[in-house]
């Protein structure tokens, strides 16, 4: 299982997730940039993921919808500002809360045959960051990273 920590210090606009994934960097990067693979690990297992748009290139955009067992949809969207095997920078916006955009920088680093994935998210306000944390992100981060590890290991 991936070793994952989630840090969201009080009174700050940012949160950081750090995971050590037991898979090589090229496989982890592919799981981040291939829509079919991304949809396998991105959401909690009780949700279905629908990828409406996924253009992981600098200047590309994305829109992903999570669907729960009752058919409720939770849509997210953003723009890729930078995409490279070392780093992905993108915006995130939960469509139910328009105007609350965060900026996420994900870095990939090889560590003894494993991949260290660091995701640093900066929100527009402390309240937005607290909303992110309280939405289940703290609990979901280790679950998502374990799912990512399984997908990357399967490649």
Protein backbone atom coordinates (compact mmCIF):
# COMPACT_ATOMS: atom_id res chain seq x y z
CA UNK A 1 0.00 0.00 0.00
CA UNK A 2 1.15 3.51 -0.81
CA UNK A 3 2.54 5.53 2.06
CA UNK A 4 0.47 8.74 2.07
CA UNK A 5 0.34 11.85 4.22
CA UNK A 6 -2.13 14.73 3.91
CA UNK A 7 -1.20 18.06 5.48
CA UNK A 8 -3.49 21.07 5.84
CA UNK A 9 -2.14 23.40 8.49
CA UNK A 10 -4.62 25.77 10.18
CA UNK A 11 -5.05 29.28 8.78
CA UNK A 12 -3.36 28.54 5.45
CA UNK A 13 -4.62 28.55 1.85
CA UNK A 14 -2.89 25.31 0.86
CA UNK A 15 -2.87 21.56 1.41
CA UNK A 16 -0.28 18.96 0.46
CA UNK A 17 -0.51 15.23 -0.16
CA UNK A 18 2.70 13.22 -0.39
CA UNK A 19 2.67 9.56 -1.45
CA UNK A 20 5.31 6.99 -2.10
CA UNK A 21 3.91 4.77 -4.84
CA UNK A 22 5.46 1.34 -5.33
CA UNK A 23 5.62 1.63 -9.11
CA UNK A 24 8.05 3.22 -11.58
CA UNK A 25 7.63 6.88 -12.48
CA UNK A 26 6.66 6.27 -16.14
CA UNK A 27 3.75 4.05 -15.03
CA UNK A 28 2.56 6.56 -12.43
CA UNK A 29 2.78 9.40 -14.95
CA UNK A 30 0.82 7.36 -17.50
CA UNK A 31 -1.89 6.71 -14.88
CA UNK A 32 -2.11 10.49 -14.42
CA UNK A 33 -2.30 11.32 -18.14
CA UNK A 34 -4.36 8.52 -19.72
CA UNK A 35 -8.11 9.14 -19.32
CA UNK A 36 -9.02 5.45 -19.05
CA UNK A 37 -6.41 4.88 -16.35
CA UNK A 38 -7.14 8.14 -14.52
CA UNK A 39 -10.82 7.22 -14.20
CA UNK A 40 -9.84 3.97 -12.47
CA UNK A 41 -8.21 5.65 -9.48
CA UNK A 42 -9.38 9.26 -9.25
CA UNK A 43 -12.63 8.92 -7.26
CA UNK A 44 -13.61 6.90 -4.20
CA UNK A 45 -14.53 3.32 -5.17
CA UNK A 46 -18.22 3.86 -4.38
CA UNK A 47 -18.46 6.42 -7.20
CA UNK A 48 -18.48 5.93 -10.95
CA UNK A 49 -16.24 8.24 -12.96
CA UNK A 50 -17.30 9.70 -16.30
CA UNK A 51 -14.63 11.53 -18.25
CA UNK A 52 -16.28 14.19 -20.43
CA UNK A 53 -13.02 15.84 -21.51
CA UNK A 54 -9.41 15.05 -20.69
CA UNK A 55 -6.65 16.79 -22.65
CA UNK A 56 -3.50 16.44 -20.51
CA UNK A 57 -1.30 18.79 -22.52
CA UNK A 58 -0.20 22.32 -21.69
CA UNK A 59 -3.25 24.49 -22.45
CA UNK A 60 -5.65 21.52 -22.51
CA UNK A 61 -8.76 21.27 -20.40
CA UNK A 62 -10.60 18.59 -18.48
CA UNK A 63 -14.04 17.81 -17.07
CA UNK A 64 -14.76 14.77 -14.93
CA UNK A 65 -18.05 13.77 -13.34
CA UNK A 66 -18.41 11.52 -10.31
CA UNK A 67 -21.73 9.68 -10.13
CA UNK A 68 -23.03 8.11 -6.92
CA UNK A 69 -25.28 5.04 -6.57
CA UNK A 70 -28.41 7.24 -6.67
CA UNK A 71 -27.36 8.89 -9.93
CA UNK A 72 -26.30 12.21 -8.36
CA UNK A 73 -23.54 13.86 -10.34
CA UNK A 74 -20.59 15.89 -9.02
CA UNK A 75 -18.68 17.61 -11.81
CA UNK A 76 -15.18 19.06 -11.70
CA UNK A 77 -13.29 20.95 -14.38
CA UNK A 78 -10.04 22.71 -14.99
CA UNK A 79 -7.23 23.69 -17.30
CA UNK A 80 -3.79 22.12 -17.64
CA UNK A 81 -1.18 24.87 -17.33
CA UNK A 82 1.85 22.58 -17.58
CA UNK A 83 2.17 18.88 -18.34
CA UNK A 84 5.53 17.08 -18.25
CA UNK A 85 6.82 13.81 -16.77
CA UNK A 86 8.20 15.81 -13.84
CA UNK A 87 5.21 18.03 -13.11
CA UNK A 88 1.56 18.70 -13.83
CA UNK A 89 0.04 22.09 -13.00
CA UNK A 90 -3.72 22.44 -13.34
CA UNK A 91 -6.70 24.32 -12.01
CA UNK A 92 -9.62 22.66 -10.24
CA UNK A 93 -13.18 23.88 -9.89
CA UNK A 94 -16.15 22.04 -8.39
CA UNK A 95 -18.98 23.07 -10.72
CA UNK A 96 -21.50 23.22 -7.86
CA UNK A 97 -19.38 26.05 -6.40
CA UNK A 98 -18.39 28.17 -9.41
CA UNK A 99 -15.69 30.74 -8.90
CA UNK A 100 -13.84 28.76 -6.22
CA UNK A 101 -10.84 27.73 -8.29
CA UNK A 102 -7.74 26.09 -6.83
CA UNK A 103 -4.33 25.55 -8.40
CA UNK A 104 -2.72 22.12 -8.05
CA UNK A 105 0.91 21.29 -8.74
CA UNK A 106 1.75 17.58 -8.84
CA UNK A 107 5.40 16.57 -8.96
CA UNK A 108 6.82 13.12 -9.70
CA UNK A 109 10.19 12.00 -8.34
CA UNK A 110 11.88 8.61 -8.63
CA UNK A 111 12.98 7.25 -5.24
CA UNK A 112 14.68 3.83 -5.20
CA UNK A 113 12.47 2.39 -7.96
CA UNK A 114 9.31 3.91 -6.48
CA UNK A 115 7.64 7.21 -7.30
CA UNK A 116 7.16 10.04 -4.85
CA UNK A 117 4.04 11.98 -5.82
CA UNK A 118 3.60 15.38 -4.19
CA UNK A 119 0.35 17.23 -4.78
CA UNK A 120 0.30 20.83 -3.55
CA UNK A 121 -3.05 22.62 -3.83
CA UNK A 122 -3.46 26.36 -3.29
CA UNK A 123 -6.98 27.68 -2.74
CA UNK A 124 -8.24 31.25 -3.05
CA UNK A 125 -9.14 31.45 0.64
CA UNK A 126 -8.68 29.65 3.93
CA UNK A 127 -12.38 28.84 3.84
CA UNK A 128 -12.02 27.17 0.42
CA UNK A 129 -9.05 25.15 1.66
CA UNK A 130 -10.99 24.11 4.78
CA UNK A 131 -13.88 23.09 2.51
CA UNK A 132 -11.50 20.95 0.48
CA UNK A 133 -10.14 19.33 3.63
CA UNK A 134 -13.59 18.81 5.16
CA UNK A 135 -15.05 17.39 1.92
CA UNK A 136 -13.31 14.12 2.66
CA UNK A 137 -10.02 14.87 0.95
CA UNK A 138 -8.01 13.98 4.03
CA UNK A 139 -9.66 10.55 4.24
CA UNK A 140 -9.76 9.99 0.48
CA UNK A 141 -6.14 10.87 -0.30
CA UNK A 142 -4.71 7.56 0.99
CA UNK A 143 -7.51 5.60 -0.71
CA UNK A 144 -6.92 7.36 -4.03
CA UNK A 145 -3.16 6.87 -3.84
CA UNK A 146 -3.61 3.16 -3.09
CA UNK A 147 -5.87 2.93 -6.15
CA UNK A 148 -3.26 4.83 -8.19
CA UNK A 149 -0.59 2.40 -7.04
CA UNK A 150 -2.67 -0.60 -8.16
CA UNK A 151 -3.31 0.95 -11.57
CA UNK A 152 0.36 1.87 -12.05
CA UNK A 153 1.51 -1.58 -10.96
CA UNK A 154 -0.79 -3.17 -13.54
CA UNK A 155 1.03 -1.45 -16.42
